[in-house]
Amino acid sequence: MSEEEMNLIPLSKAAEILGVNRQTVDTWVRKGKLPVASLVGRYRLFRPGDVEALRKERQAKMVSKKEEIVATF
């Protein structure tokens, strides 16, 4: 097993990092928002960098939406 494979994140941990449930991560995988790095049996594993990039993207969108809401008042 390579070093990269040893650092892969299981779906449950990815969901925890992203602050969503497992079904949401499944949906994002199907829509292509989060690539699967490896399949081990039926378990999907993700690269930490991919999970972190999506987390930052979601956070930036949330901040942007919050600023829009504040600007309307």
C-alpha atoms as a PDB file:
ATOM      1  CA  MET A   1       0.000   0.000   0.000  1.00  0.00           C
ATOM      2  CA  SER A   2       1.386   3.394  -1.008  1.00  0.00           C
ATOM      3  CA  GLU A   3       1.720   6.337   1.364  1.00  0.00           C
ATOM      4  CA  GLU A   4      -1.100   8.128  -0.464  1.00  0.00           C
ATOM      5  CA  GLU A   5      -3.411   5.138  -0.010  1.00  0.00           C
ATOM      6  CA  MET A   6      -2.586   5.031   3.709  1.00  0.00           C
ATOM      7  CA  ASN A   7      -3.729   8.655   4.065  1.00  0.00           C
ATOM      8  CA  LEU A   8      -7.065   8.231   2.280  1.00  0.00           C
ATOM      9  CA  ILE A   9     -10.209   9.204   4.184  1.00  0.00           C
ATOM     10  CA  PRO A  10     -13.263   6.929   4.461  1.00  0.00           C
ATOM     11  CA  LEU A  11     -16.696   8.290   3.567  1.00  0.00           C
ATOM     12  CA  SER A  12     -17.788   8.652   7.198  1.00  0.00           C
ATOM     13  CA  LYS A  13     -14.753  10.791   8.063  1.00  0.00           C
ATOM     14  CA  ALA A  14     -15.207  12.884   4.900  1.00  0.00           C
ATOM     15  CA  ALA A  15     -18.815  13.531   5.938  1.00  0.00           C
ATOM     16  CA  GLU A  16     -17.660  14.563   9.408  1.00  0.00           C
ATOM     17  CA  ILE A  17     -15.035  16.964   8.023  1.00  0.00           C
ATOM     18  CA  LEU A  18     -17.569  18.467   5.610  1.00  0.00           C
ATOM     19  CA  GLY A  19     -20.247  18.779   8.297  1.00  0.00           C
ATOM     20  CA  VAL A  20     -22.818  16.754   6.357  1.00  0.00           C
ATOM     21  CA  ASN A  21     -24.281  13.270   6.493  1.00  0.00           C
ATOM     22  CA  ARG A  22     -23.036  10.271   4.511  1.00  0.00           C
ATOM     23  CA  GLN A  23     -25.912  10.474   2.039  1.00  0.00           C
ATOM     24  CA  THR A  24     -24.900  14.014   1.096  1.00  0.00           C
ATOM     25  CA  VAL A  25     -21.355  12.844   0.361  1.00  0.00           C
ATOM     26  CA  ASP A  26     -22.827  10.022  -1.764  1.00  0.00           C
ATOM     27  CA  THR A  27     -24.826  12.593  -3.712  1.00  0.00           C
ATOM     28  CA  TRP A  28     -21.760  14.778  -4.258  1.00  0.00           C
ATOM     29  CA  VAL A  29     -19.822  11.755  -5.515  1.00  0.00           C
ATOM     30  CA  ARG A  30     -22.586  10.935  -8.025  1.00  0.00           C
ATOM     31  CA  LYS A  31     -22.690  14.589  -9.162  1.00  0.00           C
ATOM     32  CA  GLY A  32     -18.898  14.717  -9.534  1.00  0.00           C
ATOM     33  CA  LYS A  33     -18.321  17.294  -6.777  1.00  0.00           C
ATOM     34  CA  LEU A  34     -16.033  14.956  -4.818  1.00  0.00           C
ATOM     35  CA  PRO A  35     -13.867  12.416  -6.619  1.00  0.00           C
ATOM     36  CA  VAL A  36     -13.372   8.946  -5.194  1.00  0.00           C
ATOM     37  CA  ALA A  37      -9.665   8.162  -4.917  1.00  0.00           C
ATOM     38  CA  SER A  38     -10.031   4.448  -4.293  1.00  0.00           C
ATOM     39  CA  LEU A  39     -12.580   1.717  -3.836  1.00  0.00           C
ATOM     40  CA  VAL A  40     -11.816  -0.987  -1.304  1.00  0.00           C
ATOM     41  CA  GLY A  41     -14.586  -3.506  -1.677  1.00  0.00           C
ATOM     42  CA  ARG A  42     -17.679  -1.342  -1.411  1.00  0.00           C
ATOM     43  CA  TYR A  43     -15.938   1.351   0.646  1.00  0.00           C
ATOM     44  CA  ARG A  44     -15.093   4.638  -1.023  1.00  0.00           C
ATOM     45  CA  LEU A  45     -11.968   6.470   0.050  1.00  0.00           C
ATOM     46  CA  PHE A  46     -11.112  10.111  -0.598  1.00  0.00           C
ATOM     47  CA  ARG A  47      -7.923  12.156  -0.838  1.00  0.00           C
ATOM     48  CA  PRO A  48      -7.585  14.592   2.078  1.00  0.00           C
ATOM     49  CA  GLY A  49      -6.834  17.430  -0.355  1.00  0.00           C
ATOM     50  CA  ASP A  50     -10.064  16.823  -2.289  1.00  0.00           C
ATOM     51  CA  VAL A  51     -12.125  16.814   0.907  1.00  0.00           C
ATOM     52  CA  GLU A  52     -10.406  19.972   2.178  1.00  0.00           C
ATOM     53  CA  ALA A  53     -10.888  21.759  -1.164  1.00  0.00           C
ATOM     54  CA  LEU A  54     -14.625  21.013  -1.082  1.00  0.00           C
ATOM     55  CA  ARG A  55     -14.828  22.109   2.553  1.00  0.00           C
ATOM     56  CA  LYS A  56     -13.181  25.446   1.706  1.00  0.00           C
ATOM     57  CA  GLU A  57     -15.439  25.899  -1.334  1.00  0.00           C
ATOM     58  CA  ARG A  58     -18.542  25.307   0.791  1.00  0.00           C
ATOM     59  CA  GLN A  59     -17.262  27.637   3.497  1.00  0.00           C
ATOM     60  CA  ALA A  60     -16.599  30.411   0.963  1.00  0.00           C
ATOM     61  CA  LYS A  61     -20.123  30.019  -0.452  1.00  0.00           C
ATOM     62  CA  MET A  62     -21.616  30.189   3.039  1.00  0.00           C
ATOM     63  CA  VAL A  63     -19.700  33.397   3.814  1.00  0.00           C
ATOM     64  CA  SER A  64     -20.813  34.875   0.489  1.00  0.00           C
ATOM     65  CA  LYS A  65     -24.459  33.989   1.174  1.00  0.00           C
ATOM     66  CA  LYS A  66     -24.194  35.443   4.677  1.00  0.00           C
ATOM     67  CA  GLU A  67     -22.817  38.696   3.246  1.00  0.00           C
ATOM     68  CA  GLU A  68     -25.704  38.818   0.739  1.00  0.00           C
ATOM     69  CA  ILE A  69     -28.238  38.404   3.516  1.00  0.00           C
ATOM     70  CA  VAL A  70     -26.616  41.104   5.659  1.00  0.00           C
ATOM     71  CA  ALA A  71     -26.479  43.482   2.678  1.00  0.00           C
ATOM     72  CA  THR A  72     -30.242  43.182   2.157  1.00  0.00           C
ATOM     73  CA  PHE A  73     -31.023  44.593   5.610  1.00  0.00           C
END
